[in-house]
């Protein structure tokens, strides 16, 4: 029973800390663009370089 005197305030503090972190991230713009990074990974940037056709070799 005495453990509840410690666990209830600690869990309440942890909940408020999690809410504070969430709202801080939300205000900082963390969740503004949710689709951009997901679509960016689908674009292939590993295209091999084409030789320059105007360069006489």
N, C-alpha and C. Protein backbone atom coordinates (compact mmCIF):
# COMPACT_ATOMS: atom_id res chain seq x y z
N UNK A 1 0.81 -1.19 0.00
CA UNK A 1 0.00 0.00 0.00
C UNK A 1 0.86 1.26 0.00
N UNK A 2 2.01 1.20 0.70
CA UNK A 2 2.87 2.36 0.77
C UNK A 2 3.53 2.65 -0.58
N UNK A 3 3.63 1.64 -1.41
CA UNK A 3 4.23 1.84 -2.74
C UNK A 3 3.35 2.75 -3.60
N UNK A 4 2.05 2.73 -3.37
CA UNK A 4 1.15 3.59 -4.14
C UNK A 4 1.41 5.07 -3.87
N UNK A 5 1.86 5.40 -2.67
CA UNK A 5 2.17 6.79 -2.36
C UNK A 5 3.34 7.31 -3.21
N UNK A 6 4.15 6.43 -3.68
CA UNK A 6 5.25 6.80 -4.56
C UNK A 6 4.88 6.64 -6.03
N UNK A 7 4.18 5.57 -6.35
CA UNK A 7 3.90 5.27 -7.75
C UNK A 7 2.87 6.20 -8.39
N UNK A 8 1.86 6.61 -7.66
CA UNK A 8 0.83 7.47 -8.23
C UNK A 8 1.39 8.85 -8.59
N UNK A 9 2.14 9.52 -7.72
CA UNK A 9 2.73 10.80 -8.15
C UNK A 9 3.75 10.65 -9.27
N UNK A 10 4.53 9.59 -9.26
CA UNK A 10 5.49 9.37 -10.33
C UNK A 10 4.81 9.12 -11.67
N UNK A 11 3.75 8.34 -11.67
CA UNK A 11 3.05 8.08 -12.93
C UNK A 11 2.34 9.34 -13.42
N UNK A 12 1.79 10.13 -12.52
CA UNK A 12 1.17 11.40 -12.91
C UNK A 12 2.20 12.34 -13.50
N UNK A 13 3.35 12.41 -12.89
CA UNK A 13 4.44 13.25 -13.40
C UNK A 13 4.90 12.76 -14.77
N UNK A 14 4.98 11.46 -14.96
CA UNK A 14 5.39 10.90 -16.24
C UNK A 14 4.37 11.21 -17.34
N UNK A 15 3.09 11.16 -17.02
CA UNK A 15 2.04 11.48 -18.00
C UNK A 15 2.13 12.95 -18.40
N UNK A 16 2.28 13.84 -17.44
CA UNK A 16 2.40 15.26 -17.76
C UNK A 16 3.66 15.55 -18.54
N UNK A 17 4.73 14.84 -18.26
CA UNK A 17 5.97 15.01 -19.02
C UNK A 17 5.79 14.56 -20.47
N UNK A 18 5.10 13.45 -20.68
CA UNK A 18 4.85 12.97 -22.03
C UNK A 18 3.96 13.93 -22.80
N UNK A 19 2.95 14.48 -22.14
CA UNK A 19 2.08 15.46 -22.79
C UNK A 19 2.86 16.72 -23.15
N UNK A 20 3.74 17.17 -22.26
CA UNK A 20 4.55 18.35 -22.52
C UNK A 20 5.49 18.12 -23.70
N UNK A 21 6.11 16.96 -23.78
CA UNK A 21 7.01 16.64 -24.90
C UNK A 21 6.23 16.60 -26.20
N UNK A 22 5.03 16.03 -26.19
CA UNK A 22 4.22 15.97 -27.40
C UNK A 22 3.85 17.36 -27.88
N UNK A 23 3.35 18.21 -27.00
CA UNK A 23 2.96 19.55 -27.42
C UNK A 23 4.16 20.40 -27.82
N UNK A 24 5.29 20.19 -27.21
CA UNK A 24 6.52 20.92 -27.60
C UNK A 24 6.94 20.50 -29.01
N UNK A 25 6.87 19.23 -29.31
CA UNK A 25 7.21 18.76 -30.66
C UNK A 25 6.19 19.25 -31.66
N UNK A 26 4.94 19.30 -31.28
CA UNK A 26 3.89 19.78 -32.17
C UNK A 26 4.06 21.27 -32.47
N UNK A 27 4.38 22.05 -31.48
CA UNK A 27 4.60 23.48 -31.68
C UNK A 27 5.87 23.74 -32.47
N UNK A 28 6.83 22.85 -32.38
CA UNK A 28 8.09 23.02 -33.09
C UNK A 28 8.03 22.60 -34.55
N UNK A 29 6.90 22.09 -35.01
CA UNK A 29 6.74 21.72 -36.40
C UNK A 29 7.16 20.29 -36.72
N UNK A 30 7.27 19.46 -35.72
CA UNK A 30 7.70 18.09 -35.93
C UNK A 30 6.73 17.30 -36.80
N UNK A 31 5.44 17.61 -36.72
CA UNK A 31 4.42 16.83 -37.42
C UNK A 31 3.82 17.57 -38.61
N UNK A 32 4.53 18.57 -39.14
CA UNK A 32 3.97 19.37 -40.23
C UNK A 32 3.89 18.60 -41.54
N UNK A 33 4.96 17.92 -41.93
CA UNK A 33 5.00 17.22 -43.21
C UNK A 33 5.18 15.73 -42.95
N UNK A 34 4.07 15.00 -42.94
CA UNK A 34 4.14 13.58 -42.67
C UNK A 34 4.34 12.75 -43.93
N UNK A 35 3.99 13.30 -45.11
CA UNK A 35 4.09 12.52 -46.33
C UNK A 35 5.39 12.77 -47.10
N UNK A 36 6.03 13.87 -46.87
CA UNK A 36 7.23 14.23 -47.62
C UNK A 36 8.36 13.20 -47.51
N UNK A 37 8.80 12.86 -46.29
CA UNK A 37 9.87 11.87 -46.16
C UNK A 37 9.48 10.49 -46.69
N UNK A 38 8.21 10.13 -46.57
CA UNK A 38 7.77 8.82 -47.06
C UNK A 38 7.81 8.77 -48.58
N UNK A 39 7.48 9.86 -49.24
CA UNK A 39 7.52 9.90 -50.70
C UNK A 39 8.94 10.10 -51.22
N UNK A 40 9.76 10.80 -50.47
CA UNK A 40 11.13 11.08 -50.89
C UNK A 40 11.96 9.81 -51.00
N UNK A 41 11.67 8.83 -50.16
CA UNK A 41 12.46 7.59 -50.19
C UNK A 41 12.14 6.75 -51.42
N UNK A 42 10.99 7.01 -52.06
CA UNK A 42 10.62 6.25 -53.25
C UNK A 42 11.33 6.74 -54.51
N UNK A 43 11.83 7.96 -54.48
CA UNK A 43 12.53 8.51 -55.65
C UNK A 43 13.94 7.93 -55.71
N UNK A 44 14.32 7.45 -56.88
CA UNK A 44 15.62 6.82 -57.03
C UNK A 44 16.66 7.89 -57.35
N UNK A 45 17.60 8.11 -56.44
CA UNK A 45 18.66 9.08 -56.66
C UNK A 45 19.95 8.41 -57.13
N UNK A 46 19.94 7.11 -57.30
CA UNK A 46 21.15 6.38 -57.67
C UNK A 46 21.23 6.15 -59.17
N UNK A 47 20.86 7.13 -59.97
CA UNK A 47 20.94 7.02 -61.42
C UNK A 47 22.40 7.20 -61.82
N UNK A 48 22.96 6.28 -62.59
CA UNK A 48 24.37 6.44 -62.98
C UNK A 48 24.55 7.67 -63.86
N UNK A 49 25.69 8.30 -63.72
CA UNK A 49 25.98 9.52 -64.48
C UNK A 49 26.12 9.19 -65.95
N UNK A 50 25.47 9.96 -66.79
CA UNK A 50 25.55 9.80 -68.24
C UNK A 50 26.81 10.50 -68.76
N UNK A 51 27.52 9.90 -69.67
CA UNK A 51 28.69 10.61 -70.23
C UNK A 51 28.23 11.81 -71.04
N UNK A 52 29.03 12.86 -70.99
CA UNK A 52 28.69 14.08 -71.70
C UNK A 52 28.90 13.85 -73.21
N UNK A 53 27.88 14.06 -74.03
CA UNK A 53 27.95 13.77 -75.46
C UNK A 53 28.73 14.84 -76.22
N UNK A 54 28.90 16.02 -75.62
CA UNK A 54 29.64 17.08 -76.28
C UNK A 54 31.12 17.00 -76.01
N UNK A 55 31.54 16.08 -75.19
CA UNK A 55 32.94 15.96 -74.83
C UNK A 55 33.63 14.99 -75.79
N UNK A 56 34.52 15.49 -76.67
CA UNK A 56 35.21 14.56 -77.59
C UNK A 56 36.24 13.73 -76.80
N UNK A 57 36.07 12.45 -76.87
CA UNK A 57 36.97 11.58 -76.11
C UNK A 57 37.97 10.90 -77.00
